[in-house]
Amino acid sequence: MNGDFEHQVKLLSKVLFAFLALFLVLFGGLFYLANKPQETPEVLVEVEAAPQDDLIENGIHVATGFVEDEGMKVTIQNCTSCHSAKLVTQNRMNREGWEATIRWMQETQNLWDLGNNEELILAYLAKNYAPVSKGRRQNLKDVEWYPLQ
């Protein structure tokens, strides 16, 4: 009887091993099917993109934020090769201020000689990035003032 029990245990272990192997093969197959890349070829359509470097909307050069005017391209070529266009557009100076800034960059930042382009750049900057007079603010109305003690 003891030999019969051992035979049944061996038979049961073989059956369990077969089920385990079948389960692993089935699970592996399902995993492969779930993660298998699509074999259908994708259709690629070539779309010619419009050049964005020279796009101007509402009088503003989209890539840099510069105001469209004579001398804009020369200013972009000479200024944005070293620093962001935002550094130019956030500043407001008169012609002398812009010229002093250019001289400072030539002396301390290794800015090259602008040659004949300097006049065009200075005219562009002085016209489009000149100081804006803000004037005085409006008087305050409907304010309940209290005496200071």
N, C-alpha and C. Protein backbone atom coordinates (compact mmCIF):
# COMPACT_ATOMS: atom_id res chain seq x y z
N MET A 1 0.81 -1.17 0.00
CA MET A 1 0.00 0.00 0.00
C MET A 1 0.86 1.25 0.00
N ASN A 2 1.99 1.18 0.69
CA ASN A 2 2.91 2.31 0.75
C ASN A 2 3.46 2.62 -0.64
N GLY A 3 3.75 1.58 -1.44
CA GLY A 3 4.25 1.78 -2.79
C GLY A 3 3.20 2.38 -3.69
N ASP A 4 1.94 2.00 -3.45
CA ASP A 4 0.84 2.55 -4.22
C ASP A 4 0.68 4.05 -3.96
N PHE A 5 0.86 4.45 -2.70
CA PHE A 5 0.76 5.87 -2.34
C PHE A 5 1.87 6.68 -3.00
N GLU A 6 3.10 6.16 -2.98
CA GLU A 6 4.23 6.85 -3.62
C GLU A 6 3.99 6.99 -5.11
N HIS A 7 3.42 5.93 -5.71
CA HIS A 7 3.13 5.97 -7.14
C HIS A 7 2.09 7.07 -7.44
N GLN A 8 1.08 7.19 -6.60
CA GLN A 8 0.06 8.22 -6.78
C GLN A 8 0.64 9.63 -6.60
N VAL A 9 1.56 9.80 -5.64
CA VAL A 9 2.20 11.10 -5.42
C VAL A 9 3.03 11.48 -6.64
N LYS A 10 3.79 10.52 -7.18
CA LYS A 10 4.60 10.79 -8.37
C LYS A 10 3.71 11.15 -9.56
N LEU A 11 2.62 10.41 -9.71
CA LEU A 11 1.69 10.69 -10.80
C LEU A 11 1.06 12.07 -10.63
N LEU A 12 0.67 12.41 -9.41
CA LEU A 12 0.09 13.72 -9.14
C LEU A 12 1.10 14.83 -9.41
N SER A 13 2.36 14.63 -9.00
CA SER A 13 3.38 15.66 -9.24
C SER A 13 3.63 15.84 -10.74
N LYS A 14 3.58 14.75 -11.51
CA LYS A 14 3.75 14.85 -12.97
C LYS A 14 2.59 15.64 -13.59
N VAL A 15 1.38 15.37 -13.12
CA VAL A 15 0.20 16.07 -13.64
C VAL A 15 0.28 17.56 -13.28
N LEU A 16 0.66 17.86 -12.03
CA LEU A 16 0.80 19.26 -11.62
C LEU A 16 1.90 19.96 -12.41
N PHE A 17 3.01 19.26 -12.66
CA PHE A 17 4.09 19.84 -13.46
C PHE A 17 3.60 20.12 -14.89
N ALA A 18 2.81 19.21 -15.44
CA ALA A 18 2.27 19.40 -16.80
C ALA A 18 1.34 20.61 -16.84
N PHE A 19 0.47 20.74 -15.82
CA PHE A 19 -0.41 21.91 -15.76
C PHE A 19 0.38 23.21 -15.60
N LEU A 20 1.44 23.17 -14.79
CA LEU A 20 2.28 24.35 -14.61
C LEU A 20 2.95 24.73 -15.92
N ALA A 21 3.48 23.74 -16.64
CA ALA A 21 4.12 24.02 -17.92
C ALA A 21 3.10 24.58 -18.91
N LEU A 22 1.89 23.99 -18.94
CA LEU A 22 0.84 24.47 -19.83
C LEU A 22 0.44 25.90 -19.47
N PHE A 23 0.33 26.18 -18.18
CA PHE A 23 -0.01 27.52 -17.72
C PHE A 23 1.06 28.53 -18.14
N LEU A 24 2.33 28.17 -17.97
CA LEU A 24 3.42 29.07 -18.35
C LEU A 24 3.43 29.34 -19.85
N VAL A 25 3.21 28.31 -20.65
CA VAL A 25 3.18 28.48 -22.11
C VAL A 25 2.00 29.37 -22.50
N LEU A 26 0.84 29.11 -21.90
CA LEU A 26 -0.35 29.91 -22.20
C LEU A 26 -0.16 31.36 -21.77
N PHE A 27 0.35 31.58 -20.57
CA PHE A 27 0.60 32.94 -20.07
C PHE A 27 1.65 33.66 -20.92
N GLY A 28 2.71 32.95 -21.30
CA GLY A 28 3.75 33.53 -22.16
C GLY A 28 3.19 33.93 -23.52
N GLY A 29 2.32 33.08 -24.08
CA GLY A 29 1.71 33.39 -25.37
C GLY A 29 0.80 34.60 -25.30
N LEU A 30 0.01 34.68 -24.24
CA LEU A 30 -0.86 35.86 -24.07
C LEU A 30 -0.04 37.13 -23.86
N PHE A 31 1.03 37.02 -23.10
CA PHE A 31 1.89 38.18 -22.88
C PHE A 31 2.52 38.64 -24.19
N TYR A 32 2.95 37.68 -25.01
CA TYR A 32 3.54 38.02 -26.31
C TYR A 32 2.52 38.71 -27.21
N LEU A 33 1.31 38.18 -27.26
CA LEU A 33 0.28 38.77 -28.11
C LEU A 33 -0.12 40.17 -27.65
N ALA A 34 -0.13 40.37 -26.34
CA ALA A 34 -0.51 41.68 -25.82
C ALA A 34 0.55 42.73 -26.10
N ASN A 35 1.81 42.34 -26.13
CA ASN A 35 2.91 43.30 -26.31
C ASN A 35 3.53 43.26 -27.69
N LYS A 36 2.99 42.47 -28.58
CA LYS A 36 3.55 42.36 -29.93
C LYS A 36 3.29 43.63 -30.71
N PRO A 37 4.31 44.19 -31.35
CA PRO A 37 4.08 45.40 -32.15
C PRO A 37 3.23 45.08 -33.38
N GLN A 38 2.55 46.11 -33.84
CA GLN A 38 1.70 45.95 -35.01
C GLN A 38 2.55 45.62 -36.22
N GLU A 39 2.08 44.67 -37.00
CA GLU A 39 2.81 44.28 -38.20
C GLU A 39 2.28 44.98 -39.44
N THR A 40 1.21 45.75 -39.28
CA THR A 40 0.68 46.47 -40.43
C THR A 40 1.58 47.67 -40.70
N PRO A 41 1.96 47.87 -41.94
CA PRO A 41 2.85 48.99 -42.24
C PRO A 41 2.13 50.33 -42.06
N GLU A 42 2.83 51.27 -41.48
CA GLU A 42 2.26 52.60 -41.30
C GLU A 42 2.47 53.41 -42.57
N VAL A 43 1.49 54.18 -42.91
CA VAL A 43 1.58 55.03 -44.08
C VAL A 43 2.12 56.38 -43.63
N LEU A 44 3.27 56.75 -44.15
CA LEU A 44 3.88 58.02 -43.80
C LEU A 44 3.56 59.04 -44.88
N VAL A 45 3.11 60.17 -44.45
CA VAL A 45 2.77 61.24 -45.37
C VAL A 45 3.73 62.39 -45.12
N GLU A 46 4.38 62.83 -46.17
CA GLU A 46 5.31 63.95 -46.03
C GLU A 46 4.54 65.26 -46.16
N VAL A 47 4.72 66.10 -45.17
CA VAL A 47 4.08 67.41 -45.17
C VAL A 47 5.19 68.44 -45.17
N GLU A 48 5.13 69.32 -46.14
CA GLU A 48 6.16 70.35 -46.22
C GLU A 48 5.84 71.44 -45.21
N ALA A 49 6.74 71.60 -44.27
CA ALA A 49 6.54 72.59 -43.22
C ALA A 49 6.94 73.97 -43.72
N ALA A 50 6.16 74.94 -43.34
CA ALA A 50 6.48 76.32 -43.69
C ALA A 50 7.65 76.78 -42.83
N PRO A 51 8.58 77.51 -43.40
CA PRO A 51 9.70 77.99 -42.59
C PRO A 51 9.21 78.95 -41.51
N GLN A 52 9.54 78.64 -40.27
CA GLN A 52 9.07 79.43 -39.14
C GLN A 52 10.02 80.57 -38.78
N ASP A 53 11.22 80.56 -39.35
CA ASP A 53 12.20 81.57 -38.97
C ASP A 53 11.78 82.98 -39.39
N ASP A 54 11.07 83.12 -40.49
CA ASP A 54 10.71 84.44 -40.98
C ASP A 54 9.23 84.75 -40.82
N LEU A 55 8.54 84.02 -39.98
CA LEU A 55 7.11 84.23 -39.79
C LEU A 55 6.87 85.50 -38.97
N ILE A 56 6.05 86.38 -39.52
CA ILE A 56 5.74 87.65 -38.85
C ILE A 56 4.23 87.74 -38.69
N GLU A 57 3.78 87.92 -37.45
CA GLU A 57 2.36 88.06 -37.16
C GLU A 57 2.13 89.36 -36.41
N ASN A 58 1.18 90.15 -36.89
CA ASN A 58 0.82 91.43 -36.27
C ASN A 58 2.03 92.35 -36.10
N GLY A 59 2.93 92.32 -37.07
CA GLY A 59 4.09 93.21 -37.03
C GLY A 59 5.19 92.76 -36.09
N ILE A 60 5.10 91.53 -35.57
CA ILE A 60 6.11 91.01 -34.65
C ILE A 60 6.72 89.75 -35.25
N HIS A 61 8.04 89.68 -35.27
CA HIS A 61 8.76 88.49 -35.72
C HIS A 61 8.54 87.41 -34.67
N VAL A 62 7.89 86.31 -35.06
CA VAL A 62 7.44 85.30 -34.10
C VAL A 62 8.61 84.64 -33.37
N ALA A 63 9.67 84.31 -34.08
CA ALA A 63 10.78 83.58 -33.46
C ALA A 63 11.53 84.41 -32.43
N THR A 64 11.63 85.72 -32.63
CA THR A 64 12.44 86.54 -31.73
C THR A 64 11.65 87.55 -30.91
N GLY A 65 10.51 87.97 -31.41
CA GLY A 65 9.74 89.00 -30.73
C GLY A 65 10.12 90.41 -31.16
N PHE A 66 11.01 90.54 -32.14
CA PHE A 66 11.40 91.86 -32.63
C PHE A 66 10.27 92.48 -33.44
N VAL A 67 10.19 93.81 -33.40
CA VAL A 67 9.22 94.56 -34.18
C VAL A 67 9.68 94.57 -35.64
N GLU A 68 8.73 94.32 -36.55
CA GLU A 68 9.08 94.32 -37.97
C GLU A 68 9.33 95.74 -38.43
N ASP A 69 10.52 95.97 -38.96
CA ASP A 69 10.90 97.29 -39.46
C ASP A 69 12.22 97.13 -40.20
N GLU A 70 12.61 98.20 -40.88
CA GLU A 70 13.89 98.16 -41.59
C GLU A 70 15.02 97.98 -40.59
N GLY A 71 15.89 97.01 -40.86
CA GLY A 71 17.01 96.73 -39.97
C GLY A 71 16.76 95.58 -39.02
N MET A 72 15.55 95.01 -39.06
CA MET A 72 15.23 93.92 -38.15
C MET A 72 16.12 92.70 -38.40
N LYS A 73 16.27 92.30 -39.66
CA LYS A 73 17.05 91.09 -39.96
C LYS A 73 18.51 91.27 -39.58
N VAL A 74 19.07 92.43 -39.86
CA VAL A 74 20.47 92.68 -39.50
C VAL A 74 20.63 92.67 -37.98
N THR A 75 19.67 93.22 -37.28
CA THR A 75 19.71 93.23 -35.82
C THR A 75 19.61 91.81 -35.28
N ILE A 76 18.74 91.01 -35.86
CA ILE A 76 18.61 89.61 -35.43
C ILE A 76 19.93 88.88 -35.65
N GLN A 77 20.53 89.07 -36.82
CA GLN A 77 21.77 88.37 -37.14
C GLN A 77 22.90 88.75 -36.20
N ASN A 78 22.98 90.01 -35.83
CA ASN A 78 24.11 90.45 -35.01
C ASN A 78 23.86 90.32 -33.52
N CYS A 79 22.63 90.42 -33.08
CA CYS A 79 22.36 90.40 -31.63
C CYS A 79 22.07 89.00 -31.10
N THR A 80 21.30 88.22 -31.84
CA THR A 80 20.87 86.93 -31.29
C THR A 80 21.90 85.83 -31.47
N SER A 81 23.02 86.13 -32.10
CA SER A 81 24.06 85.10 -32.18
C SER A 81 24.79 84.95 -30.85
N CYS A 82 24.71 85.95 -29.99
CA CYS A 82 25.38 85.89 -28.69
C CYS A 82 24.40 85.75 -27.52
N HIS A 83 23.25 86.36 -27.61
CA HIS A 83 22.31 86.32 -26.49
C HIS A 83 20.88 86.27 -27.00
N SER A 84 19.98 86.06 -26.09
CA SER A 84 18.56 85.94 -26.41
C SER A 84 18.01 87.27 -26.92
N ALA A 85 17.03 87.18 -27.80
CA ALA A 85 16.37 88.39 -28.30
C ALA A 85 15.63 89.10 -27.17
N LYS A 86 15.24 88.36 -26.16
CA LYS A 86 14.53 88.94 -25.02
C LYS A 86 15.39 89.97 -24.31
N LEU A 87 16.70 89.79 -24.34
CA LEU A 87 17.60 90.75 -23.71
C LEU A 87 17.53 92.10 -24.42
N VAL A 88 17.25 92.08 -25.71
CA VAL A 88 17.11 93.33 -26.46
C VAL A 88 15.71 93.91 -26.25
N THR A 89 14.70 93.07 -26.39
CA THR A 89 13.32 93.58 -26.37
C THR A 89 12.89 94.07 -24.99
N GLN A 90 13.52 93.62 -23.93
CA GLN A 90 13.13 94.08 -22.59
C GLN A 90 13.76 95.41 -22.22
N ASN A 91 14.77 95.84 -22.96
CA ASN A 91 15.45 97.10 -22.66
C ASN A 91 14.88 98.23 -23.50
N ARG A 92 14.93 99.43 -22.95
CA ARG A 92 14.48 100.64 -23.65
C ARG A 92 15.55 101.69 -23.47
N MET A 93 16.14 102.13 -24.58
CA MET A 93 17.18 103.16 -24.53
C MET A 93 17.05 104.06 -25.74
N ASN A 94 17.60 105.26 -25.61
CA ASN A 94 17.68 106.14 -26.77
C ASN A 94 18.89 105.72 -27.61
N ARG A 95 19.14 106.43 -28.69
CA ARG A 95 20.23 106.05 -29.59
C ARG A 95 21.57 106.04 -28.88
N GLU A 96 21.82 107.05 -28.03
CA GLU A 96 23.09 107.12 -27.31
C GLU A 96 23.23 105.94 -26.34
N GLY A 97 22.13 105.56 -25.71
CA GLY A 97 22.16 104.42 -24.80
C GLY A 97 22.47 103.12 -25.51
N TRP A 98 21.85 102.93 -26.68
CA TRP A 98 22.13 101.72 -27.45
C TRP A 98 23.57 101.72 -27.95
N GLU A 99 24.05 102.88 -28.37
CA GLU A 99 25.43 102.96 -28.85
C GLU A 99 26.41 102.67 -27.71
N ALA A 100 26.13 103.20 -26.52
CA ALA A 100 26.99 102.93 -25.36
C ALA A 100 26.96 101.44 -25.01
N THR A 101 25.81 100.82 -25.14
CA THR A 101 25.71 99.39 -24.85
C THR A 101 26.52 98.58 -25.86
N ILE A 102 26.45 98.97 -27.13
CA ILE A 102 27.25 98.28 -28.15
C ILE A 102 28.73 98.45 -27.87
N ARG A 103 29.16 99.66 -27.52
CA ARG A 103 30.58 99.90 -27.20
C ARG A 103 31.01 99.05 -25.99
N TRP A 104 30.14 98.97 -24.98
CA TRP A 104 30.46 98.17 -23.81
C TRP A 104 30.62 96.69 -24.20
N MET A 105 29.73 96.20 -25.06
CA MET A 105 29.83 94.80 -25.50
C MET A 105 31.08 94.57 -26.33
N GLN A 106 31.48 95.57 -27.13
CA GLN A 106 32.70 95.43 -27.92
C GLN A 106 33.93 95.41 -27.03
N GLU A 107 33.92 96.21 -25.97
CA GLU A 107 35.09 96.29 -25.09
C GLU A 107 35.18 95.11 -24.12
N THR A 108 34.05 94.64 -23.63
CA THR A 108 34.09 93.63 -22.56
C THR A 108 33.58 92.26 -22.97
N GLN A 109 32.75 92.18 -24.00
CA GLN A 109 32.12 90.91 -24.35
C GLN A 109 32.58 90.36 -25.71
N ASN A 110 33.61 90.95 -26.29
CA ASN A 110 34.17 90.52 -27.58
C ASN A 110 33.18 90.62 -28.73
N LEU A 111 32.33 91.64 -28.71
CA LEU A 111 31.45 91.88 -29.84
C LEU A 111 32.30 92.41 -30.99
N TRP A 112 32.09 91.87 -32.17
CA TRP A 112 32.85 92.26 -33.34
C TRP A 112 32.45 93.66 -33.81
N ASP A 113 33.26 94.20 -34.71
CA ASP A 113 32.97 95.50 -35.31
C ASP A 113 31.77 95.33 -36.23
N LEU A 114 30.74 96.11 -36.03
CA LEU A 114 29.52 95.97 -36.81
C LEU A 114 29.61 96.61 -38.19
N GLY A 115 30.63 97.43 -38.40
CA GLY A 115 30.85 98.04 -39.71
C GLY A 115 29.70 98.91 -40.15
N ASN A 116 29.30 98.76 -41.41
CA ASN A 116 28.20 99.57 -41.97
C ASN A 116 26.85 99.21 -41.35
N ASN A 117 26.75 98.04 -40.75
CA ASN A 117 25.48 97.62 -40.14
C ASN A 117 25.17 98.37 -38.85
N GLU A 118 26.18 98.99 -38.25
CA GLU A 118 25.97 99.64 -36.97
C GLU A 118 24.93 100.75 -37.06
N GLU A 119 24.98 101.56 -38.10
CA GLU A 119 24.01 102.65 -38.26
C GLU A 119 22.60 102.10 -38.41
N LEU A 120 22.46 101.05 -39.20
CA LEU A 120 21.15 100.44 -39.41
C LEU A 120 20.61 99.84 -38.11
N ILE A 121 21.48 99.16 -37.36
CA ILE A 121 21.08 98.56 -36.08
C ILE A 121 20.70 99.64 -35.07
N LEU A 122 21.51 100.68 -34.97
CA LEU A 122 21.21 101.76 -34.03
C LEU A 122 19.90 102.46 -34.38
N ALA A 123 19.67 102.69 -35.67
CA ALA A 123 18.42 103.33 -36.08
C ALA A 123 17.22 102.44 -35.74
N TYR A 124 17.36 101.15 -35.98
CA TYR A 124 16.27 100.21 -35.68
C TYR A 124 15.98 100.17 -34.18
N LEU A 125 17.03 100.03 -33.38
CA LEU A 125 16.85 99.94 -31.92
C LEU A 125 16.31 101.24 -31.34
N ALA A 126 16.84 102.37 -31.81
CA ALA A 126 16.39 103.67 -31.28
C ALA A 126 14.93 103.94 -31.65
N LYS A 127 14.51 103.47 -32.81
CA LYS A 127 13.12 103.71 -33.23
C LYS A 127 12.14 102.77 -32.53
N ASN A 128 12.48 101.49 -32.45
CA ASN A 128 11.53 100.49 -31.95
C ASN A 128 11.67 100.15 -30.48
N TYR A 129 12.81 100.47 -29.89
CA TYR A 129 13.03 100.15 -28.48
C TYR A 129 13.53 101.37 -27.73
N ALA A 130 12.89 102.50 -28.00
CA ALA A 130 13.20 103.75 -27.31
C ALA A 130 12.44 103.79 -25.99
N PRO A 131 12.88 104.65 -25.07
CA PRO A 131 12.14 104.77 -23.80
C PRO A 131 10.71 105.23 -24.04
N VAL A 132 9.81 104.70 -23.27
CA VAL A 132 8.39 105.05 -23.38
C VAL A 132 8.05 105.96 -22.21
N SER A 133 7.52 107.14 -22.54
CA SER A 133 7.14 108.03 -21.44
C SER A 133 5.80 107.58 -20.91
N LYS A 134 5.77 107.32 -19.63
CA LYS A 134 4.56 106.81 -19.02
C LYS A 134 3.67 107.92 -18.48
N GLY A 135 4.25 109.07 -18.17
CA GLY A 135 3.46 110.15 -17.61
C GLY A 135 3.07 109.85 -16.17
N ARG A 136 2.18 110.66 -15.66
CA ARG A 136 1.73 110.47 -14.29
C ARG A 136 0.49 109.60 -14.27
N ARG A 137 0.30 108.95 -13.17
CA ARG A 137 -0.90 108.15 -13.02
C ARG A 137 -2.09 109.07 -12.74
N GLN A 138 -3.27 108.55 -12.92
CA GLN A 138 -4.49 109.30 -12.63
C GLN A 138 -4.61 109.51 -11.13
N ASN A 139 -5.27 110.60 -10.76
CA ASN A 139 -5.53 110.85 -9.35
C ASN A 139 -6.43 109.76 -8.79
N LEU A 140 -6.19 109.43 -7.53
CA LEU A 140 -7.03 108.44 -6.87
C LEU A 140 -8.38 109.06 -6.53
N LYS A 141 -9.44 108.33 -6.80
CA LYS A 141 -10.79 108.82 -6.53
C LYS A 141 -11.49 107.84 -5.60
N ASP A 142 -12.47 108.36 -4.89
CA ASP A 142 -13.30 107.53 -4.02
C ASP A 142 -12.47 106.77 -2.99
N VAL A 143 -11.51 107.46 -2.40
CA VAL A 143 -10.69 106.85 -1.37
C VAL A 143 -11.02 107.53 -0.05
N GLU A 144 -11.27 106.75 0.95
CA GLU A 144 -11.55 107.31 2.27
C GLU A 144 -10.22 107.46 3.00
N TRP A 145 -9.77 108.69 3.07
CA TRP A 145 -8.49 108.95 3.73
C TRP A 145 -8.71 109.09 5.23
N TYR A 146 -7.74 108.71 5.99
CA TYR A 146 -7.81 108.86 7.44
C TYR A 146 -6.61 109.69 7.89
N PRO A 147 -6.76 110.43 8.94
CA PRO A 147 -5.65 111.27 9.40
C PRO A 147 -4.56 110.41 10.05
N LEU A 148 -3.33 110.75 9.72
CA LEU A 148 -2.20 110.06 10.34
C LEU A 148 -1.94 110.66 11.71
N GLN A 149 -1.60 109.88 12.66
CA GLN A 149 -1.34 110.36 14.01
C GLN A 149 0.12 110.28 14.34
